[in-house]
PDB file of N, CA and C in Angstrom:
ATOM      1  N   MET A   1       6.993  18.652 -20.801  1.00  0.00           N
ATOM      2  CA  MET A   1       8.261  17.957 -20.934  1.00  0.00           C
ATOM      3  C   MET A   1       8.765  17.521 -19.562  1.00  0.00           C
ATOM      4  N   SER A   2       8.631  18.387 -18.567  1.00  0.00           N
ATOM      5  CA  SER A   2       9.112  18.091 -17.227  1.00  0.00           C
ATOM      6  C   SER A   2       8.367  16.905 -16.620  1.00  0.00           C
ATOM      7  N   SER A   3       7.057  16.832 -16.848  1.00  0.00           N
ATOM      8  CA  SER A   3       6.277  15.721 -16.297  1.00  0.00           C
ATOM      9  C   SER A   3       6.673  14.408 -16.965  1.00  0.00           C
ATOM     10  N   GLN A   4       7.033  14.461 -18.229  1.00  0.00           N
ATOM     11  CA  GLN A   4       7.466  13.265 -18.932  1.00  0.00           C
ATOM     12  C   GLN A   4       8.804  12.767 -18.363  1.00  0.00           C
ATOM     13  N   VAL A   5       9.694  13.679 -18.047  1.00  0.00           N
ATOM     14  CA  VAL A   5      10.988  13.324 -17.469  1.00  0.00           C
ATOM     15  C   VAL A   5      10.777  12.712 -16.081  1.00  0.00           C
ATOM     16  N   GLN A   6       9.901  13.300 -15.282  1.00  0.00           N
ATOM     17  CA  GLN A   6       9.616  12.764 -13.953  1.00  0.00           C
ATOM     18  C   GLN A   6       9.001  11.371 -14.055  1.00  0.00           C
ATOM     19  N   SER A   7       8.124  11.208 -15.009  1.00  0.00           N
ATOM     20  CA  SER A   7       7.499   9.901 -15.209  1.00  0.00           C
ATOM     21  C   SER A   7       8.539   8.856 -15.582  1.00  0.00           C
ATOM     22  N   LEU A   8       9.449   9.199 -16.472  1.00  0.00           N
ATOM     23  CA  LEU A   8      10.505   8.272 -16.868  1.00  0.00           C
ATOM     24  C   LEU A   8      11.457   7.981 -15.710  1.00  0.00           C
ATOM     25  N   GLN A   9      11.714   8.975 -14.857  1.00  0.00           N
ATOM     26  CA  GLN A   9      12.576   8.757 -13.697  1.00  0.00           C
ATOM     27  C   GLN A   9      11.919   7.784 -12.713  1.00  0.00           C
ATOM     28  N   LYS A  10      10.621   7.950 -12.485  1.00  0.00           N
ATOM     29  CA  LYS A  10       9.897   7.034 -11.604  1.00  0.00           C
ATOM     30  C   LYS A  10       9.929   5.615 -12.165  1.00  0.00           C
ATOM     31  N   GLN A  11       9.747   5.509 -13.475  1.00  0.00           N
ATOM     32  CA  GLN A  11       9.777   4.208 -14.116  1.00  0.00           C
ATOM     33  C   GLN A  11      11.160   3.574 -13.987  1.00  0.00           C
ATOM     34  N   LEU A  12      12.198   4.366 -14.140  1.00  0.00           N
ATOM     35  CA  LEU A  12      13.570   3.878 -14.007  1.00  0.00           C
ATOM     36  C   LEU A  12      13.846   3.391 -12.587  1.00  0.00           C
ATOM     37  N   ILE A  13      13.390   4.147 -11.600  1.00  0.00           N
ATOM     38  CA  ILE A  13      13.555   3.740 -10.201  1.00  0.00           C
ATOM     39  C   ILE A  13      12.845   2.414  -9.950  1.00  0.00           C
ATOM     40  N   GLN A  14      11.632   2.278 -10.456  1.00  0.00           N
ATOM     41  CA  GLN A  14      10.859   1.038 -10.285  1.00  0.00           C
ATOM     42  C   GLN A  14      11.582  -0.134 -10.940  1.00  0.00           C
ATOM     43  N   LEU A  15      12.090   0.058 -12.139  1.00  0.00           N
ATOM     44  CA  LEU A  15      12.796  -1.018 -12.835  1.00  0.00           C
ATOM     45  C   LEU A  15      14.070  -1.425 -12.101  1.00  0.00           C
ATOM     46  N   ARG A  16      14.766  -0.451 -11.532  1.00  0.00           N
ATOM     47  CA  ARG A  16      15.976  -0.769 -10.764  1.00  0.00           C
ATOM     48  C   ARG A  16      15.631  -1.571  -9.520  1.00  0.00           C
ATOM     49  N   GLN A  17      14.546  -1.205  -8.847  1.00  0.00           N
ATOM     50  CA  GLN A  17      14.119  -1.947  -7.658  1.00  0.00           C
ATOM     51  C   GLN A  17      13.752  -3.379  -8.027  1.00  0.00           C
ATOM     52  N   GLU A  18      13.039  -3.553  -9.124  1.00  0.00           N
ATOM     53  CA  GLU A  18      12.643  -4.887  -9.554  1.00  0.00           C
ATOM     54  C   GLU A  18      13.860  -5.725  -9.958  1.00  0.00           C
ATOM     55  N   ALA A  19      14.860  -5.081 -10.541  1.00  0.00           N
ATOM     56  CA  ALA A  19      16.064  -5.806 -10.954  1.00  0.00           C
ATOM     57  C   ALA A  19      16.866  -6.286  -9.752  1.00  0.00           C
ATOM     58  N   ASN A  20      16.750  -5.602  -8.609  1.00  0.00           N
ATOM     59  CA  ASN A  20      17.515  -5.961  -7.416  1.00  0.00           C
ATOM     60  C   ASN A  20      16.841  -7.012  -6.546  1.00  0.00           C
ATOM     61  N   ILE A  21      15.641  -7.431  -6.902  1.00  0.00           N
ATOM     62  CA  ILE A  21      14.932  -8.432  -6.115  1.00  0.00           C
ATOM     63  C   ILE A  21      15.614  -9.783  -6.293  1.00  0.00           C
ATOM     64  N   GLN A  22      15.867 -10.455  -5.169  1.00  0.00           N
ATOM     65  CA  GLN A  22      16.469 -11.778  -5.220  1.00  0.00           C
ATOM     66  C   GLN A  22      15.418 -12.771  -5.705  1.00  0.00           C
ATOM     67  N   ARG A  23      15.751 -13.507  -6.730  1.00  0.00           N
ATOM     68  CA  ARG A  23      14.801 -14.463  -7.304  1.00  0.00           C
ATOM     69  C   ARG A  23      15.294 -15.886  -7.057  1.00  0.00           C
ATOM     70  N   ILE A  24      14.321 -16.800  -6.896  1.00  0.00           N
ATOM     71  CA  ILE A  24      14.660 -18.208  -6.734  1.00  0.00           C
ATOM     72  C   ILE A  24      13.823 -18.994  -7.745  1.00  0.00           C
ATOM     73  N   PRO A  25      14.275 -20.173  -8.106  1.00  0.00           N
ATOM     74  CA  PRO A  25      13.489 -20.993  -9.031  1.00  0.00           C
ATOM     75  C   PRO A  25      12.138 -21.376  -8.427  1.00  0.00           C
ATOM     76  N   VAL A  26      11.171 -21.583  -9.284  1.00  0.00           N
ATOM     77  CA  VAL A  26       9.825 -21.928  -8.838  1.00  0.00           C
ATOM     78  C   VAL A  26       9.837 -23.231  -8.042  1.00  0.00           C
ATOM     79  N   SER A  27      10.650 -24.176  -8.448  1.00  0.00           N
ATOM     80  CA  SER A  27      10.692 -25.460  -7.744  1.00  0.00           C
ATOM     81  C   SER A  27      11.128 -25.275  -6.292  1.00  0.00           C
ATOM     82  N   GLU A  28      12.078 -24.382  -6.027  1.00  0.00           N
ATOM     83  CA  GLU A  28      12.497 -24.115  -4.648  1.00  0.00           C
ATOM     84  C   GLU A  28      11.396 -23.411  -3.868  1.00  0.00           C
ATOM     85  N   ALA A  29      10.715 -22.474  -4.512  1.00  0.00           N
ATOM     86  CA  ALA A  29       9.630 -21.755  -3.846  1.00  0.00           C
ATOM     87  C   ALA A  29       8.508 -22.718  -3.457  1.00  0.00           C
ATOM     88  N   ILE A  30       8.197 -23.643  -4.353  1.00  0.00           N
ATOM     89  CA  ILE A  30       7.144 -24.624  -4.065  1.00  0.00           C
ATOM     90  C   ILE A  30       7.542 -25.500  -2.885  1.00  0.00           C
ATOM     91  N   GLU A  31       8.793 -25.944  -2.852  1.00  0.00           N
ATOM     92  CA  GLU A  31       9.253 -26.770  -1.733  1.00  0.00           C
ATOM     93  C   GLU A  31       9.137 -26.014  -0.415  1.00  0.00           C
ATOM     94  N   GLU A  32       9.512 -24.746  -0.405  1.00  0.00           N
ATOM     95  CA  GLU A  32       9.410 -23.942   0.816  1.00  0.00           C
ATOM     96  C   GLU A  32       7.960 -23.770   1.252  1.00  0.00           C
ATOM     97  N   ILE A  33       7.071 -23.553   0.305  1.00  0.00           N
ATOM     98  CA  ILE A  33       5.644 -23.400   0.627  1.00  0.00           C
ATOM     99  C   ILE A  33       5.092 -24.698   1.197  1.00  0.00           C
ATOM    100  N   LEU A  34       5.448 -25.826   0.588  1.00  0.00           N
ATOM    101  CA  LEU A  34       4.978 -27.116   1.096  1.00  0.00           C
ATOM    102  C   LEU A  34       5.496 -27.386   2.501  1.00  0.00           C
ATOM    103  N   LYS A  35       6.751 -27.093   2.756  1.00  0.00           N
ATOM    104  CA  LYS A  35       7.302 -27.283   4.097  1.00  0.00           C
ATOM    105  C   LYS A  35       6.546 -26.422   5.103  1.00  0.00           C
ATOM    106  N   TYR A  36       6.317 -25.162   4.760  1.00  0.00           N
ATOM    107  CA  TYR A  36       5.619 -24.241   5.665  1.00  0.00           C
ATOM    108  C   TYR A  36       4.208 -24.746   5.961  1.00  0.00           C
ATOM    109  N   THR A  37       3.483 -25.142   4.909  1.00  0.00           N
ATOM    110  CA  THR A  37       2.106 -25.577   5.125  1.00  0.00           C
ATOM    111  C   THR A  37       2.045 -26.864   5.932  1.00  0.00           C
ATOM    112  N   ASN A  38       2.997 -27.762   5.721  1.00  0.00           N
ATOM    113  CA  ASN A  38       3.012 -29.000   6.499  1.00  0.00           C
ATOM    114  C   ASN A  38       3.316 -28.740   7.969  1.00  0.00           C
ATOM    115  N   VAL A  39       4.216 -27.805   8.252  1.00  0.00           N
ATOM    116  CA  VAL A  39       4.563 -27.485   9.632  1.00  0.00           C
ATOM    117  C   VAL A  39       3.396 -26.802  10.346  1.00  0.00           C
ATOM    118  N   HIS A  40       2.674 -25.947   9.641  1.00  0.00           N
ATOM    119  CA  HIS A  40       1.616 -25.152  10.264  1.00  0.00           C
ATOM    120  C   HIS A  40       0.208 -25.696  10.012  1.00  0.00           C
ATOM    121  N   ALA A  41       0.088 -26.902   9.492  1.00  0.00           N
ATOM    122  CA  ALA A  41      -1.228 -27.456   9.156  1.00  0.00           C
ATOM    123  C   ALA A  41      -2.118 -27.606  10.385  1.00  0.00           C
ATOM    124  N   GLN A  42      -1.550 -27.975  11.532  1.00  0.00           N
ATOM    125  CA  GLN A  42      -2.366 -28.195  12.727  1.00  0.00           C
ATOM    126  C   GLN A  42      -2.930 -26.895  13.296  1.00  0.00           C
ATOM    127  N   GLU A  43      -2.377 -25.767  12.903  1.00  0.00           N
ATOM    128  CA  GLU A  43      -2.864 -24.469  13.382  1.00  0.00           C
ATOM    129  C   GLU A  43      -3.881 -23.854  12.431  1.00  0.00           C
ATOM    130  N   ASP A  44      -4.087 -24.473  11.270  1.00  0.00           N
ATOM    131  CA  ASP A  44      -4.942 -23.903  10.233  1.00  0.00           C
ATOM    132  C   ASP A  44      -6.384 -24.369  10.425  1.00  0.00           C
ATOM    133  N   ALA A  45      -7.270 -23.421  10.647  1.00  0.00           N
ATOM    134  CA  ALA A  45      -8.679 -23.756  10.881  1.00  0.00           C
ATOM    135  C   ALA A  45      -9.333 -24.360   9.645  1.00  0.00           C
ATOM    136  N   LEU A  46      -8.834 -24.046   8.457  1.00  0.00           N
ATOM    137  CA  LEU A  46      -9.412 -24.625   7.245  1.00  0.00           C
ATOM    138  C   LEU A  46      -9.056 -26.103   7.108  1.00  0.00           C
ATOM    139  N   VAL A  47      -7.949 -26.516   7.688  1.00  0.00           N
ATOM    140  CA  VAL A  47      -7.525 -27.913   7.605  1.00  0.00           C
ATOM    141  C   VAL A  47      -8.119 -28.724   8.747  1.00  0.00           C
ATOM    142  N   VAL A  48      -8.017 -28.208   9.959  1.00  0.00           N
ATOM    143  CA  VAL A  48      -8.406 -28.948  11.151  1.00  0.00           C
ATOM    144  C   VAL A  48      -9.873 -28.716  11.513  1.00  0.00           C
ATOM    145  N   GLY A  49     -10.389 -27.585  11.178  1.00  0.00           N
ATOM    146  CA  GLY A  49     -11.746 -27.232  11.566  1.00  0.00           C
ATOM    147  C   GLY A  49     -11.726 -26.330  12.792  1.00  0.00           C
ATOM    148  N   VAL A  50     -12.871 -25.801  13.121  1.00  0.00           N
ATOM    149  CA  VAL A  50     -12.983 -24.870  14.237  1.00  0.00           C
ATOM    150  C   VAL A  50     -13.754 -25.551  15.356  1.00  0.00           C
ATOM    151  N   ASN A  51     -13.271 -25.405  16.571  1.00  0.00           N
ATOM    152  CA  ASN A  51     -13.966 -25.934  17.741  1.00  0.00           C
ATOM    153  C   ASN A  51     -15.318 -25.229  17.841  1.00  0.00           C
ATOM    154  N   GLN A  52     -16.383 -26.014  17.950  1.00  0.00           N
ATOM    155  CA  GLN A  52     -17.725 -25.416  17.960  1.00  0.00           C
ATOM    156  C   GLN A  52     -17.953 -24.450  19.116  1.00  0.00           C
ATOM    157  N   SER A  53     -17.305 -24.679  20.248  1.00  0.00           N
ATOM    158  CA  SER A  53     -17.502 -23.774  21.375  1.00  0.00           C
ATOM    159  C   SER A  53     -16.816 -22.428  21.132  1.00  0.00           C
ATOM    160  N   ASP A  54     -15.803 -22.402  20.277  1.00  0.00           N
ATOM    161  CA  ASP A  54     -15.092 -21.157  19.975  1.00  0.00           C
ATOM    162  C   ASP A  54     -15.607 -20.473  18.720  1.00  0.00           C
ATOM    163  N   ASN A  55     -16.506 -21.092  17.995  1.00  0.00           N
ATOM    164  CA  ASN A  55     -16.967 -20.576  16.718  1.00  0.00           C
ATOM    165  C   ASN A  55     -18.084 -19.558  16.920  1.00  0.00           C
ATOM    166  N   PRO A  56     -17.835 -18.274  16.640  1.00  0.00           N
ATOM    167  CA  PRO A  56     -18.884 -17.272  16.815  1.00  0.00           C
ATOM    168  C   PRO A  56     -19.965 -17.354  15.735  1.00  0.00           C
ATOM    169  N   PHE A  57     -19.727 -18.118  14.665  1.00  0.00           N
ATOM    170  CA  PHE A  57     -20.678 -18.195  13.557  1.00  0.00           C
ATOM    171  C   PHE A  57     -21.491 -19.487  13.570  1.00  0.00           C
ATOM    172  N   ARG A  58     -21.426 -20.230  14.669  1.00  0.00           N
ATOM    173  CA  ARG A  58     -22.174 -21.498  14.736  1.00  0.00           C
ATOM    174  C   ARG A  58     -23.677 -21.215  14.727  1.00  0.00           C
ATOM    175  N   ASP A  59     -24.430 -22.224  14.351  1.00  0.00           N
ATOM    176  CA  ASP A  59     -25.885 -22.073  14.347  1.00  0.00           C
ATOM    177  C   ASP A  59     -26.370 -21.880  15.770  1.00  0.00           C
ATOM    178  N   GLN A  60     -27.202 -20.911  15.933  1.00  0.00           N
ATOM    179  CA  GLN A  60     -27.748 -20.632  17.256  1.00  0.00           C
ATOM    180  C   GLN A  60     -28.806 -21.672  17.589  1.00  0.00           C
ATOM    181  N   LYS A  61     -28.902 -21.997  18.858  1.00  0.00           N
ATOM    182  CA  LYS A  61     -29.925 -22.949  19.294  1.00  0.00           C
ATOM    183  C   LYS A  61     -31.275 -22.294  19.140  1.00  0.00           C
ATOM    184  N   SER A  62     -32.220 -23.093  18.699  1.00  0.00           N
ATOM    185  CA  SER A  62     -33.552 -22.530  18.496  1.00  0.00           C
ATOM    186  C   SER A  62     -34.214 -22.235  19.847  1.00  0.00           C
ATOM    187  N   CYS A  63     -35.078 -21.267  19.829  1.00  0.00           N
ATOM    188  CA  CYS A  63     -35.770 -20.844  21.039  1.00  0.00           C
ATOM    189  C   CYS A  63     -37.214 -21.339  20.965  1.00  0.00           C
ATOM    190  N   ALA A  64     -37.645 -22.002  21.999  1.00  0.00           N
ATOM    191  CA  ALA A  64     -39.029 -22.509  22.036  1.00  0.00           C
ATOM    192  C   ALA A  64     -39.942 -21.394  22.567  1.00  0.00           C
ATOM    193  N   ILE A  65     -40.960 -21.111  21.817  1.00  0.00           N
ATOM    194  CA  ILE A  65     -41.928 -20.076  22.235  1.00  0.00           C
ATOM    195  C   ILE A  65     -43.002 -20.756  23.072  1.00  0.00           C
ATOM    196  N   LEU A  66     -43.242 -20.201  24.244  1.00  0.00           N
ATOM    197  CA  LEU A  66     -44.236 -20.776  25.160  1.00  0.00           C
ATOM    198  C   LEU A  66     -45.635 -20.434  24.771  1.00  0.00           C
TER     199      LEU A  66
END
C-alpha cells in the first residue's frame, strides 16, 4: 500500500510540473525556429559544408609504393 501511495505522489508531482510549463502555439514555435536557423545558417557545417583542410574525415591521399 505504501509503495502505491509513493507512486501516486510521484505521478502527482510530475503532473503538476507538466501543468506549470509555459506553452506557446506551434505557429510561434515554428517562427522562432526558422528565425534561429536563418541567423545561424552560416555557422552550420551541414548547410555550408566543411573546409577540406579542417576536415579530419577527408579521404587520405594515396601512397605510392616504390
